[in-house]
N, C-alpha and C. Protein backbone atom coordinates (compact mmCIF):
# COMPACT_ATOMS: atom_id res chain seq x y z
N MET A 1 -39.61 242.51 7.73
CA MET A 1 -39.09 242.14 8.86
C MET A 1 -39.96 240.79 9.16
N ASN A 2 -39.39 239.88 9.63
CA ASN A 2 -39.90 238.15 10.45
C ASN A 2 -40.54 238.43 11.76
N ILE A 3 -41.00 237.63 12.54
CA ILE A 3 -41.28 238.03 13.46
C ILE A 3 -40.30 237.91 14.68
N TYR A 4 -39.21 237.19 14.60
CA TYR A 4 -37.84 237.21 15.54
C TYR A 4 -37.62 238.29 15.26
N GLN A 5 -37.05 238.74 14.68
CA GLN A 5 -36.33 240.35 14.28
C GLN A 5 -37.22 241.36 15.17
N GLU A 6 -39.20 241.20 14.74
CA GLU A 6 -39.67 241.77 15.51
C GLU A 6 -39.63 241.75 16.74
N ILE A 7 -39.47 241.04 17.07
CA ILE A 7 -39.47 240.36 18.78
C ILE A 7 -38.15 240.98 19.29
N ARG A 8 -37.27 241.12 18.32
CA ARG A 8 -35.35 241.47 19.06
C ARG A 8 -35.75 242.62 18.91
N LYS A 9 -36.15 243.27 17.84
CA LYS A 9 -36.19 244.87 18.15
C LYS A 9 -37.37 245.03 19.37
N ILE A 10 -38.33 245.21 19.33
CA ILE A 10 -38.93 245.31 20.91
C ILE A 10 -38.12 244.90 22.22
N VAL A 11 -37.21 244.09 22.15
CA VAL A 11 -36.14 243.42 23.09
C VAL A 11 -35.19 244.53 23.55
N ASN A 12 -34.98 245.09 21.90
CA ASN A 12 -33.88 245.95 22.38
C ASN A 12 -34.10 247.13 23.06
N GLU A 13 -35.24 247.51 22.24
CA GLU A 13 -35.67 249.06 22.59
C GLU A 13 -36.36 249.38 23.75
N ALA A 14 -36.71 248.13 24.86
CA ALA A 14 -37.20 247.95 26.03
C ALA A 14 -36.48 248.74 27.35
N ASP A 15 -36.73 249.06 28.16
CA ASP A 15 -35.81 249.73 29.20
C ASP A 15 -35.88 248.06 30.45
N GLY A 16 -36.52 246.97 30.31
CA GLY A 16 -36.38 246.18 30.64
C GLY A 16 -37.37 244.94 30.04
N VAL A 17 -37.01 243.87 30.66
CA VAL A 17 -37.47 242.67 29.94
C VAL A 17 -37.92 241.89 31.91
N LEU A 18 -38.89 241.16 31.69
CA LEU A 18 -39.65 240.55 32.65
C LEU A 18 -40.18 239.31 32.53
N ILE A 19 -38.84 238.15 32.42
CA ILE A 19 -39.45 236.60 32.42
C ILE A 19 -40.73 235.94 33.72
N GLY A 20 -41.46 235.15 33.27
CA GLY A 20 -42.13 234.74 34.46
C GLY A 20 -42.07 233.24 33.86
N ALA A 21 -41.67 232.13 34.79
CA ALA A 21 -41.08 230.85 34.36
C ALA A 21 -42.07 230.36 35.29
N SER A 22 -42.30 229.17 34.96
CA SER A 22 -42.77 228.61 36.21
C SER A 22 -41.96 227.45 36.72
N ASN A 23 -42.61 225.85 36.73
CA ASN A 23 -41.87 224.99 37.77
C ASN A 23 -40.17 224.47 37.13
N GLY A 24 -40.31 224.75 35.66
CA GLY A 24 -39.07 224.32 35.13
C GLY A 24 -37.75 225.26 35.89
N LEU A 25 -37.85 226.56 36.58
CA LEU A 25 -36.90 227.21 36.77
C LEU A 25 -36.39 226.81 38.26
N SER A 26 -37.39 226.66 38.82
CA SER A 26 -37.24 225.40 40.63
C SER A 26 -36.37 224.45 40.35
N ILE A 27 -36.96 223.84 39.42
CA ILE A 27 -36.46 222.25 39.83
C ILE A 27 -35.30 222.44 39.23
N ALA A 28 -34.48 223.45 38.10
CA ALA A 28 -33.08 223.71 37.86
C ALA A 28 -32.08 224.01 39.26
N GLU A 29 -32.74 225.05 40.19
CA GLU A 29 -32.51 224.88 41.12
C GLU A 29 -32.02 223.95 42.70
N GLY A 30 -32.84 222.96 41.93
CA GLY A 30 -33.11 221.70 42.92
C GLY A 30 -34.21 221.67 43.93
N TYR A 31 -35.47 222.28 43.66
CA TYR A 31 -36.35 222.27 44.18
C TYR A 31 -37.28 221.70 43.59
N ASN A 32 -38.73 221.15 43.88
CA ASN A 32 -39.69 221.20 42.94
C ASN A 32 -40.61 221.88 44.21
N LEU A 33 -41.53 222.65 43.15
CA LEU A 33 -42.29 223.33 43.89
C LEU A 33 -44.10 222.43 44.22
N PHE A 34 -43.56 221.65 43.69
CA PHE A 34 -44.96 220.93 43.38
C PHE A 34 -44.86 219.18 44.50
N ALA A 35 -43.68 219.06 44.76
CA ALA A 35 -43.42 217.97 44.94
C ALA A 35 -43.34 217.92 46.96
N ASP A 36 -43.58 216.63 47.27
CA ASP A 36 -42.64 216.55 48.82
C ASP A 36 -41.68 215.31 48.94
N ASP A 37 -41.01 216.22 48.46
CA ASP A 37 -39.47 215.15 48.18
C ASP A 37 -38.71 215.31 49.38
N SER A 38 -37.30 214.71 49.38
CA SER A 38 -36.38 215.14 49.99
C SER A 38 -35.68 216.57 50.17
N TRP A 39 -36.30 217.75 49.17
CA TRP A 39 -35.42 218.70 49.76
C TRP A 39 -36.65 219.45 50.30
N PHE A 40 -38.04 219.08 49.80
CA PHE A 40 -38.92 219.48 50.49
C PHE A 40 -39.14 218.63 52.34
N GLN A 41 -38.56 218.34 52.27
CA GLN A 41 -39.20 217.68 53.99
C GLN A 41 -37.73 218.06 54.69
N LYS A 42 -36.46 217.99 53.74
CA LYS A 42 -35.56 218.55 55.00
C LYS A 42 -35.38 220.18 54.82
N ASN A 43 -36.10 221.06 54.06
CA ASN A 43 -35.89 222.48 54.06
C ASN A 43 -37.30 222.89 54.65
N MET A 44 -38.34 222.53 54.64
CA MET A 44 -39.41 222.70 55.48
C MET A 44 -40.55 221.48 55.83
N GLY A 45 -39.81 220.87 56.57
CA GLY A 45 -40.32 219.58 57.62
C GLY A 45 -40.91 220.53 58.60
N ASP A 46 -40.56 221.76 58.84
CA ASP A 46 -41.14 222.15 60.29
C ASP A 46 -42.39 222.59 59.72
N PHE A 47 -42.78 223.21 58.60
CA PHE A 47 -43.98 223.89 58.03
C PHE A 47 -44.77 222.53 58.14
N ARG A 48 -44.29 221.04 57.56
CA ARG A 48 -44.93 220.09 56.99
C ARG A 48 -45.48 219.31 57.83
N SER A 49 -44.62 219.40 59.03
CA SER A 49 -45.36 218.81 60.63
C SER A 49 -46.69 220.12 61.00
N ARG A 50 -46.07 221.24 61.23
CA ARG A 50 -47.01 222.19 61.95
C ARG A 50 -48.62 222.06 61.49
N TYR A 51 -48.48 222.23 59.77
CA TYR A 51 -49.54 222.75 59.18
C TYR A 51 -50.37 221.92 58.20
N GLY A 52 -49.47 220.57 57.95
CA GLY A 52 -49.63 219.21 57.30
C GLY A 52 -49.44 219.66 56.14
N ILE A 53 -48.75 220.59 55.41
CA ILE A 53 -48.91 220.77 53.80
C ILE A 53 -47.62 219.85 53.41
N HIS A 54 -47.28 219.59 52.27
CA HIS A 54 -46.85 218.73 51.66
C HIS A 54 -46.25 219.20 50.12
N CYS A 55 -45.92 220.50 49.93
CA CYS A 55 -45.65 221.12 48.98
C CYS A 55 -45.64 222.51 49.22
N ILE A 56 -44.40 223.18 48.34
CA ILE A 56 -44.57 224.71 48.75
C ILE A 56 -45.40 225.39 48.14
N ILE A 57 -46.25 225.37 46.80
CA ILE A 57 -47.25 225.76 46.63
C ILE A 57 -48.88 225.46 47.34
N GLN A 58 -48.84 224.00 47.84
CA GLN A 58 -50.10 224.03 49.18
C GLN A 58 -49.57 225.39 50.16
N GLY A 59 -48.33 225.56 50.67
CA GLY A 59 -47.90 226.04 51.88
C GLY A 59 -48.40 227.22 51.39
N MET A 60 -48.08 227.76 50.41
CA MET A 60 -48.20 229.56 49.89
C MET A 60 -49.97 229.69 49.57
N ALA A 61 -50.38 228.56 49.64
CA ALA A 61 -52.02 228.83 49.41
C ALA A 61 -53.12 228.68 50.47
N PHE A 62 -52.23 228.11 51.70
CA PHE A 62 -52.73 227.20 52.72
C PHE A 62 -53.46 228.32 53.44
N PRO A 63 -54.73 228.45 53.87
CA PRO A 63 -55.66 229.01 54.15
C PRO A 63 -55.44 229.33 56.08
N TYR A 64 -54.21 229.97 56.43
CA TYR A 64 -53.63 230.66 57.62
C TYR A 64 -54.73 231.11 58.21
N LEU A 65 -54.83 231.14 59.91
CA LEU A 65 -55.64 231.61 60.49
C LEU A 65 -55.24 232.92 60.70
N SER A 66 -53.97 233.70 60.51
CA SER A 66 -53.79 235.14 60.75
C SER A 66 -52.78 235.29 59.80
N GLN A 67 -52.82 236.86 59.41
CA GLN A 67 -51.07 237.38 58.64
C GLN A 67 -49.75 236.80 59.25
N GLU A 68 -49.89 236.96 60.17
CA GLU A 68 -48.92 236.76 60.82
C GLU A 68 -48.21 235.17 60.94
N LYS A 69 -49.10 234.23 60.45
CA LYS A 69 -48.92 232.75 60.32
C LYS A 69 -48.62 232.91 58.69
N ASN A 70 -49.25 233.44 57.95
CA ASN A 70 -48.85 233.53 56.58
C ASN A 70 -47.80 234.12 56.07
N ARG A 71 -46.96 235.18 57.34
CA ARG A 71 -45.62 235.67 56.47
C ARG A 71 -44.91 234.68 57.44
N TYR A 72 -44.80 234.06 58.09
CA TYR A 72 -44.11 232.89 58.68
C TYR A 72 -43.56 231.90 58.02
N ILE A 73 -44.40 231.53 56.56
CA ILE A 73 -44.42 230.22 55.76
C ILE A 73 -43.29 231.37 54.47
N SER A 74 -43.64 232.06 54.38
CA SER A 74 -43.19 233.49 53.44
C SER A 74 -41.80 233.70 53.88
N ALA A 75 -41.58 233.63 55.20
CA ALA A 75 -40.01 234.39 55.55
C ALA A 75 -39.37 233.02 55.47
N GLY A 76 -40.08 231.96 56.07
CA GLY A 76 -39.20 230.48 56.11
C GLY A 76 -38.78 230.16 54.35
N LEU A 77 -40.03 230.20 53.54
CA LEU A 77 -39.41 230.40 52.17
C LEU A 77 -37.99 231.46 51.73
N LEU A 78 -38.46 232.29 52.29
CA LEU A 78 -37.08 234.11 51.83
C LEU A 78 -35.45 232.99 52.21
N LYS A 79 -35.90 232.82 53.52
CA LYS A 79 -34.52 232.05 54.54
C LYS A 79 -33.68 231.23 54.18
N ARG A 80 -34.67 229.89 53.48
CA ARG A 80 -34.27 228.92 52.72
C ARG A 80 -34.05 229.13 51.25
N ASN A 81 -33.81 230.23 50.76
CA ASN A 81 -33.53 230.76 49.05
C ASN A 81 -34.31 230.51 48.32
N VAL A 82 -35.76 230.29 48.85
CA VAL A 82 -36.75 229.77 47.91
C VAL A 82 -37.28 230.38 46.84
N CYS A 83 -37.16 231.61 47.61
CA CYS A 83 -37.76 233.27 47.08
C CYS A 83 -36.76 233.63 46.76
N ARG A 84 -36.37 233.77 45.20
CA ARG A 84 -35.16 234.81 44.99
C ARG A 84 -35.56 235.75 44.45
N MET A 85 -35.13 237.13 44.80
CA MET A 85 -35.46 238.15 43.51
C MET A 85 -34.01 238.52 43.15
N SER A 86 -33.93 239.39 42.23
CA SER A 86 -32.97 240.35 41.72
C SER A 86 -33.45 241.49 41.81
N LEU A 87 -33.37 242.80 42.03
CA LEU A 87 -34.06 243.77 41.98
C LEU A 87 -32.95 244.95 41.16
N HIS A 88 -31.74 244.61 41.16
CA HIS A 88 -30.75 245.37 40.32
C HIS A 88 -31.63 246.41 39.47
N LYS A 89 -32.62 245.33 38.43
CA LYS A 89 -33.00 246.14 37.27
C LYS A 89 -33.88 246.96 37.29
N LEU A 90 -34.73 246.88 38.30
CA LEU A 90 -35.88 247.41 38.95
C LEU A 90 -35.53 248.96 39.49
């Protein structure tokens, strides 16, 4: 059995598969986690002007003064469909 057959067997026998991906999937959806581009300025401009953040990654790592403000940016990202998760398999 070669490595690909072995991987296929493992995947086929698994209850589920969790795929972690970086910037490529977000760019495919139309936004770049690392860019202060037109998408960020249009959709996250309020965070940009309020906190001086210039990309989604910077916003998620920003040292907010309170958990409430941290939840504020997370809620804003969810509202704008940046953080999407399908739980139908969990």
